[in-house]
């Protein structure tokens, strides 16, 4: 996750933090699945507390090249 992605997610969460259950019942959710075939990346294990889960030291980003991607 990039810094921009994290900032957008935080902005979204703060924007809707005060919504009630009734507000959320008016939202239509869509289920999507992205299937990708690209270079296999090595598994990286990171151990941290729940408080640290968005800490930059606990997140690894990467760039993909030559991927094949389908949305279903």
PDB file of N, CA and C in Angstrom:
ATOM      1  N   UNK A   1       0.842  -1.166   0.000  1.00  0.00           N
ATOM      2  CA  UNK A   1       0.000   0.000   0.000  1.00  0.00           C
ATOM      3  C   UNK A   1       0.893   1.236   0.000  1.00  0.00           C
ATOM      4  N   UNK A   2       0.603   2.151  -0.889  1.00  0.00           N
ATOM      5  CA  UNK A   2       1.400   3.371  -0.964  1.00  0.00           C
ATOM      6  C   UNK A   2       0.895   4.396   0.060  1.00  0.00           C
ATOM      7  N   UNK A   3       1.668   5.452   0.257  1.00  0.00           N
ATOM      8  CA  UNK A   3       1.232   6.522   1.159  1.00  0.00           C
ATOM      9  C   UNK A   3      -0.074   7.136   0.669  1.00  0.00           C
ATOM     10  N   UNK A   4      -0.206   7.299  -0.643  1.00  0.00           N
ATOM     11  CA  UNK A   4      -1.441   7.861  -1.194  1.00  0.00           C
ATOM     12  C   UNK A   4      -2.635   6.953  -0.914  1.00  0.00           C
ATOM     13  N   UNK A   5      -2.446   5.633  -1.086  1.00  0.00           N
ATOM     14  CA  UNK A   5      -3.521   4.680  -0.795  1.00  0.00           C
ATOM     15  C   UNK A   5      -3.944   4.776   0.670  1.00  0.00           C
ATOM     16  N   UNK A   6      -2.962   4.796   1.560  1.00  0.00           N
ATOM     17  CA  UNK A   6      -3.253   4.875   2.990  1.00  0.00           C
ATOM     18  C   UNK A   6      -3.979   6.175   3.318  1.00  0.00           C
ATOM     19  N   UNK A   7      -3.562   7.277   2.712  1.00  0.00           N
ATOM     20  CA  UNK A   7      -4.206   8.570   2.969  1.00  0.00           C
ATOM     21  C   UNK A   7      -5.656   8.559   2.471  1.00  0.00           C
ATOM     22  N   UNK A   8      -5.892   7.967   1.296  1.00  0.00           N
ATOM     23  CA  UNK A   8      -7.256   7.882   0.767  1.00  0.00           C
ATOM     24  C   UNK A   8      -8.140   7.034   1.663  1.00  0.00           C
ATOM     25  N   UNK A   9      -7.631   5.919   2.154  1.00  0.00           N
ATOM     26  CA  UNK A   9      -8.419   5.065   3.048  1.00  0.00           C
ATOM     27  C   UNK A   9      -8.742   5.786   4.351  1.00  0.00           C
ATOM     28  N   UNK A  10      -7.770   6.496   4.899  1.00  0.00           N
ATOM     29  CA  UNK A  10      -8.006   7.248   6.130  1.00  0.00           C
ATOM     30  C   UNK A  10      -9.050   8.334   5.887  1.00  0.00           C
ATOM     31  N   UNK A  11      -8.930   9.075   4.782  1.00  0.00           N
ATOM     32  CA  UNK A  11      -9.892  10.115   4.441  1.00  0.00           C
ATOM     33  C   UNK A  11     -11.303   9.523   4.344  1.00  0.00           C
ATOM     34  N   UNK A  12     -11.441   8.376   3.672  1.00  0.00           N
ATOM     35  CA  UNK A  12     -12.738   7.717   3.522  1.00  0.00           C
ATOM     36  C   UNK A  12     -13.284   7.314   4.891  1.00  0.00           C
ATOM     37  N   UNK A  13     -12.450   6.713   5.730  1.00  0.00           N
ATOM     38  CA  UNK A  13     -12.897   6.265   7.050  1.00  0.00           C
ATOM     39  C   UNK A  13     -13.351   7.445   7.910  1.00  0.00           C
ATOM     40  N   UNK A  14     -12.606   8.531   7.883  1.00  0.00           N
ATOM     41  CA  UNK A  14     -12.978   9.701   8.674  1.00  0.00           C
ATOM     42  C   UNK A  14     -14.263  10.349   8.145  1.00  0.00           C
ATOM     43  N   UNK A  15     -14.435  10.333   6.821  1.00  0.00           N
ATOM     44  CA  UNK A  15     -15.627  10.926   6.224  1.00  0.00           C
ATOM     45  C   UNK A  15     -16.899  10.220   6.679  1.00  0.00           C
ATOM     46  N   UNK A  16     -16.840   8.899   6.848  1.00  0.00           N
ATOM     47  CA  UNK A  16     -18.027   8.123   7.189  1.00  0.00           C
ATOM     48  C   UNK A  16     -18.030   7.614   8.631  1.00  0.00           C
ATOM     49  N   UNK A  17     -17.154   8.104   9.456  1.00  0.00           N
ATOM     50  CA  UNK A  17     -17.030   7.623  10.839  1.00  0.00           C
ATOM     51  C   UNK A  17     -18.307   7.817  11.652  1.00  0.00           C
ATOM     52  N   UNK A  18     -19.081   8.841  11.356  1.00  0.00           N
ATOM     53  CA  UNK A  18     -20.284   9.132  12.139  1.00  0.00           C
ATOM     54  C   UNK A  18     -21.560   8.536  11.558  1.00  0.00           C
ATOM     55  N   UNK A  19     -21.454   7.765  10.491  1.00  0.00           N
ATOM     56  CA  UNK A  19     -22.651   7.176   9.897  1.00  0.00           C
ATOM     57  C   UNK A  19     -23.276   6.165  10.850  1.00  0.00           C
ATOM     58  N   UNK A  20     -24.596   6.107  10.826  1.00  0.00           N
ATOM     59  CA  UNK A  20     -25.332   5.153  11.652  1.00  0.00           C
ATOM     60  C   UNK A  20     -25.577   3.874  10.857  1.00  0.00           C
ATOM     61  N   UNK A  21     -26.104   2.869  11.530  1.00  0.00           N
ATOM     62  CA  UNK A  21     -26.445   1.617  10.851  1.00  0.00           C
ATOM     63  C   UNK A  21     -27.485   1.876   9.761  1.00  0.00           C
ATOM     64  N   UNK A  22     -28.415   2.785  10.036  1.00  0.00           N
ATOM     65  CA  UNK A  22     -29.437   3.126   9.039  1.00  0.00           C
ATOM     66  C   UNK A  22     -28.813   3.765   7.796  1.00  0.00           C
ATOM     67  N   UNK A  23     -27.799   4.616   7.989  1.00  0.00           N
ATOM     68  CA  UNK A  23     -27.093   5.199   6.846  1.00  0.00           C
ATOM     69  C   UNK A  23     -26.486   4.110   5.978  1.00  0.00           C
ATOM     70  N   UNK A  24     -25.822   3.136   6.620  1.00  0.00           N
ATOM     71  CA  UNK A  24     -25.141   2.076   5.876  1.00  0.00           C
ATOM     72  C   UNK A  24     -26.124   1.147   5.173  1.00  0.00           C
ATOM     73  N   UNK A  25     -27.347   1.035   5.694  1.00  0.00           N
ATOM     74  CA  UNK A  25     -28.347   0.170   5.046  1.00  0.00           C
ATOM     75  C   UNK A  25     -28.772   0.724   3.689  1.00  0.00           C
ATOM     76  N   UNK A  26     -28.534   1.998   3.438  1.00  0.00           N
ATOM     77  CA  UNK A  26     -28.895   2.605   2.156  1.00  0.00           C
ATOM     78  C   UNK A  26     -27.799   2.427   1.102  1.00  0.00           C
ATOM     79  N   UNK A  27     -26.679   1.839   1.475  1.00  0.00           N
ATOM     80  CA  UNK A  27     -25.557   1.642   0.554  1.00  0.00           C
ATOM     81  C   UNK A  27     -25.707   0.300  -0.164  1.00  0.00           C
ATOM     82  N   UNK A  28     -25.456   0.306  -1.455  1.00  0.00           N
ATOM     83  CA  UNK A  28     -25.463  -0.937  -2.229  1.00  0.00           C
ATOM     84  C   UNK A  28     -24.009  -1.370  -2.398  1.00  0.00           C
ATOM     85  N   UNK A  29     -23.696  -2.582  -1.954  1.00  0.00           N
ATOM     86  CA  UNK A  29     -22.326  -3.100  -2.028  1.00  0.00           C
ATOM     87  C   UNK A  29     -22.208  -4.049  -3.201  1.00  0.00           C
ATOM     88  N   UNK A  30     -21.075  -4.049  -3.836  1.00  0.00           N
ATOM     89  CA  UNK A  30     -20.791  -4.935  -4.952  1.00  0.00           C
ATOM     90  C   UNK A  30     -19.611  -5.825  -4.583  1.00  0.00           C
ATOM     91  N   UNK A  31     -19.725  -7.112  -4.855  1.00  0.00           N
ATOM     92  CA  UNK A  31     -18.629  -8.037  -4.587  1.00  0.00           C
ATOM     93  C   UNK A  31     -17.850  -8.246  -5.871  1.00  0.00           C
ATOM     94  N   UNK A  32     -16.581  -7.980  -5.815  1.00  0.00           N
ATOM     95  CA  UNK A  32     -15.721  -8.173  -6.969  1.00  0.00           C
ATOM     96  C   UNK A  32     -14.522  -8.999  -6.556  1.00  0.00           C
ATOM     97  N   UNK A  33     -13.958  -9.668  -7.515  1.00  0.00           N
ATOM     98  CA  UNK A  33     -12.777 -10.466  -7.256  1.00  0.00           C
ATOM     99  C   UNK A  33     -11.778 -10.210  -8.377  1.00  0.00           C
ATOM    100  N   UNK A  34     -10.555  -9.949  -8.014  1.00  0.00           N
ATOM    101  CA  UNK A  34      -9.511  -9.738  -8.996  1.00  0.00           C
ATOM    102  C   UNK A  34      -8.613 -10.967  -9.000  1.00  0.00           C
ATOM    103  N   UNK A  35      -8.418 -11.547 -10.168  1.00  0.00           N
ATOM    104  CA  UNK A  35      -7.550 -12.707 -10.311  1.00  0.00           C
ATOM    105  C   UNK A  35      -6.364 -12.273 -11.152  1.00  0.00           C
ATOM    106  N   UNK A  36      -5.173 -12.482 -10.644  1.00  0.00           N
ATOM    107  CA  UNK A  36      -3.977 -12.026 -11.331  1.00  0.00           C
ATOM    108  C   UNK A  36      -2.974 -13.160 -11.503  1.00  0.00           C
ATOM    109  N   UNK A  37      -2.303 -13.146 -12.633  1.00  0.00           N
ATOM    110  CA  UNK A  37      -1.182 -14.063 -12.855  1.00  0.00           C
ATOM    111  C   UNK A  37       0.018 -13.195 -13.186  1.00  0.00           C
ATOM    112  N   UNK A  38       0.988 -13.254 -12.364  1.00  0.00           N
ATOM    113  CA  UNK A  38       2.202 -12.482 -12.598  1.00  0.00           C
ATOM    114  C   UNK A  38       3.363 -13.234 -11.964  1.00  0.00           C
ATOM    115  N   UNK A  39       4.484 -12.584 -11.881  1.00  0.00           N
ATOM    116  CA  UNK A  39       5.641 -13.219 -11.253  1.00  0.00           C
ATOM    117  C   UNK A  39       5.314 -13.573  -9.815  1.00  0.00           C
ATOM    118  N   UNK A  40       5.723 -14.745  -9.406  1.00  0.00           N
ATOM    119  CA  UNK A  40       5.513 -15.136  -8.017  1.00  0.00           C
ATOM    120  C   UNK A  40       6.445 -14.331  -7.125  1.00  0.00           C
ATOM    121  N   UNK A  41       5.851 -13.698  -6.142  1.00  0.00           N
ATOM    122  CA  UNK A  41       6.645 -12.940  -5.185  1.00  0.00           C
ATOM    123  C   UNK A  41       6.923 -13.814  -3.978  1.00  0.00           C
ATOM    124  N   UNK A  42       8.089 -13.692  -3.385  1.00  0.00           N
ATOM    125  CA  UNK A  42       8.381 -14.497  -2.208  1.00  0.00           C
ATOM    126  C   UNK A  42       7.472 -14.077  -1.045  1.00  0.00           C
ATOM    127  N   UNK A  43       7.115 -15.037  -0.218  1.00  0.00           N
ATOM    128  CA  UNK A  43       6.313 -14.743   0.960  1.00  0.00           C
ATOM    129  C   UNK A  43       7.163 -13.989   1.965  1.00  0.00           C
ATOM    130  N   UNK A  44       6.619 -12.907   2.466  1.00  0.00           N
ATOM    131  CA  UNK A  44       7.309 -12.108   3.476  1.00  0.00           C
ATOM    132  C   UNK A  44       6.435 -12.098   4.716  1.00  0.00           C
ATOM    133  N   UNK A  45       6.975 -12.529   5.835  1.00  0.00           N
ATOM    134  CA  UNK A  45       6.236 -12.549   7.087  1.00  0.00           C
ATOM    135  C   UNK A  45       6.606 -11.323   7.905  1.00  0.00           C
ATOM    136  N   UNK A  46       5.583 -10.668   8.420  1.00  0.00           N
ATOM    137  CA  UNK A  46       5.788  -9.510   9.283  1.00  0.00           C
ATOM    138  C   UNK A  46       4.970  -9.737  10.543  1.00  0.00           C
ATOM    139  N   UNK A  47       5.615  -9.632  11.685  1.00  0.00           N
ATOM    140  CA  UNK A  47       4.929  -9.809  12.946  1.00  0.00           C
ATOM    141  C   UNK A  47       4.824  -8.457  13.646  1.00  0.00           C
ATOM    142  N   UNK A  48       3.593  -8.055  13.927  1.00  0.00           N
ATOM    143  CA  UNK A  48       3.378  -6.780  14.598  1.00  0.00           C
ATOM    144  C   UNK A  48       2.064  -6.847  15.361  1.00  0.00           C
ATOM    145  N   UNK A  49       1.835  -5.857  16.185  1.00  0.00           N
ATOM    146  CA  UNK A  49       0.583  -5.797  16.941  1.00  0.00           C
ATOM    147  C   UNK A  49      -0.500  -5.188  16.055  1.00  0.00           C
ATOM    148  N   UNK A  50      -1.762  -5.299  16.480  1.00  0.00           N
ATOM    149  CA  UNK A  50      -2.863  -4.707  15.731  1.00  0.00           C
ATOM    150  C   UNK A  50      -2.672  -3.201  15.611  1.00  0.00           C
ATOM    151  N   UNK A  51      -2.117  -2.584  16.620  1.00  0.00           N
ATOM    152  CA  UNK A  51      -1.875  -1.141  16.615  1.00  0.00           C
ATOM    153  C   UNK A  51      -0.872  -0.748  15.522  1.00  0.00           C
ATOM    154  N   UNK A  52       0.052  -1.644  15.221  1.00  0.00           N
ATOM    155  CA  UNK A  52       1.119  -1.356  14.251  1.00  0.00           C
ATOM    156  C   UNK A  52       0.777  -1.759  12.814  1.00  0.00           C
ATOM    157  N   UNK A  53      -0.417  -2.319  12.570  1.00  0.00           N
ATOM    158  CA  UNK A  53      -0.673  -2.937  11.264  1.00  0.00           C
ATOM    159  C   UNK A  53      -0.582  -1.983  10.075  1.00  0.00           C
ATOM    160  N   UNK A  54      -0.757  -0.679  10.266  1.00  0.00           N
ATOM    161  CA  UNK A  54      -0.619   0.268   9.165  1.00  0.00           C
ATOM    162  C   UNK A  54       0.699   1.032   9.225  1.00  0.00           C
ATOM    163  N   UNK A  55       1.578   0.622  10.128  1.00  0.00           N
ATOM    164  CA  UNK A  55       2.894   1.245  10.243  1.00  0.00           C
ATOM    165  C   UNK A  55       3.682   0.948   8.962  1.00  0.00           C
ATOM    166  N   UNK A  56       4.336   1.956   8.422  1.00  0.00           N
ATOM    167  CA  UNK A  56       5.092   1.789   7.166  1.00  0.00           C
ATOM    168  C   UNK A  56       6.113   0.663   7.250  1.00  0.00           C
ATOM    169  N   UNK A  57       6.646   0.417   8.432  1.00  0.00           N
ATOM    170  CA  UNK A  57       7.639  -0.651   8.604  1.00  0.00           C
ATOM    171  C   UNK A  57       7.001  -2.039   8.476  1.00  0.00           C
ATOM    172  N   UNK A  58       5.668  -2.126   8.601  1.00  0.00           N
ATOM    173  CA  UNK A  58       4.978  -3.417   8.548  1.00  0.00           C
ATOM    174  C   UNK A  58       4.308  -3.670   7.194  1.00  0.00           C
ATOM    175  N   UNK A  59       4.476  -2.756   6.241  1.00  0.00           N
ATOM    176  CA  UNK A  59       3.823  -2.875   4.937  1.00  0.00           C
ATOM    177  C   UNK A  59       4.884  -2.915   3.848  1.00  0.00           C
ATOM    178  N   UNK A  60       4.747  -3.880   2.947  1.00  0.00           N
ATOM    179  CA  UNK A  60       5.691  -3.974   1.839  1.00  0.00           C
ATOM    180  C   UNK A  60       4.925  -3.740   0.543  1.00  0.00           C
ATOM    181  N   UNK A  61       5.371  -2.789  -0.253  1.00  0.00           N
ATOM    182  CA  UNK A  61       4.741  -2.548  -1.542  1.00  0.00           C
ATOM    183  C   UNK A  61       5.657  -3.087  -2.640  1.00  0.00           C
ATOM    184  N   UNK A  62       5.089  -3.279  -3.808  1.00  0.00           N
ATOM    185  CA  UNK A  62       5.866  -3.781  -4.928  1.00  0.00           C
ATOM    186  C   UNK A  62       5.220  -3.335  -6.232  1.00  0.00           C
ATOM    187  N   UNK A  63       5.968  -3.368  -7.303  1.00  0.00           N
ATOM    188  CA  UNK A  63       5.478  -3.010  -8.625  1.00  0.00           C
ATOM    189  C   UNK A  63       5.363  -4.278  -9.450  1.00  0.00           C
ATOM    190  N   UNK A  64       4.319  -4.363 -10.256  1.00  0.00           N
ATOM    191  CA  UNK A  64       4.107  -5.536 -11.087  1.00  0.00           C
ATOM    192  C   UNK A  64       4.352  -5.183 -12.545  1.00  0.00           C
ATOM    193  N   UNK A  65       4.942  -6.099 -13.274  1.00  0.00           N
ATOM    194  CA  UNK A  65       5.154  -5.931 -14.709  1.00  0.00           C
ATOM    195  C   UNK A  65       4.647  -7.167 -15.425  1.00  0.00           C
ATOM    196  N   UNK A  66       4.117  -6.980 -16.601  1.00  0.00           N
ATOM    197  CA  UNK A  66       3.687  -8.109 -17.416  1.00  0.00           C
ATOM    198  C   UNK A  66       2.598  -8.943 -16.791  1.00  0.00           C
ATOM    199  N   UNK A  67       1.703  -8.326 -16.066  1.00  0.00           N
ATOM    200  CA  UNK A  67       0.667  -9.091 -15.382  1.00  0.00           C
ATOM    201  C   UNK A  67      -0.514  -9.388 -16.291  1.00  0.00           C
ATOM    202  N   UNK A  68      -1.246 -10.396 -15.928  1.00  0.00           N
ATOM    203  CA  UNK A  68      -2.515 -10.719 -16.564  1.00  0.00           C
ATOM    204  C   UNK A  68      -3.554 -10.585 -15.464  1.00  0.00           C
ATOM    205  N   UNK A  69      -4.587  -9.772 -15.698  1.00  0.00           N
ATOM    206  CA  UNK A  69      -5.546  -9.477 -14.643  1.00  0.00           C
ATOM    207  C   UNK A  69      -6.972  -9.550 -15.184  1.00  0.00           C
ATOM    208  N   UNK A  70      -7.864 -10.172 -14.425  1.00  0.00           N
ATOM    209  CA  UNK A  70      -9.277 -10.265 -14.794  1.00  0.00           C
ATOM    210  C   UNK A  70     -10.110  -9.913 -13.577  1.00  0.00           C
ATOM    211  N   UNK A  71     -11.177  -9.144 -13.807  1.00  0.00           N
ATOM    212  CA  UNK A  71     -12.135  -8.860 -12.741  1.00  0.00           C
ATOM    213  C   UNK A  71     -13.358  -9.743 -12.968  1.00  0.00           C
ATOM    214  N   UNK A  72     -13.839 -10.382 -11.920  1.00  0.00           N
ATOM    215  CA  UNK A  72     -15.046 -11.209 -12.003  1.00  0.00           C
ATOM    216  C   UNK A  72     -16.016 -10.794 -10.931  1.00  0.00           C
TER     217      UNK A  72
END
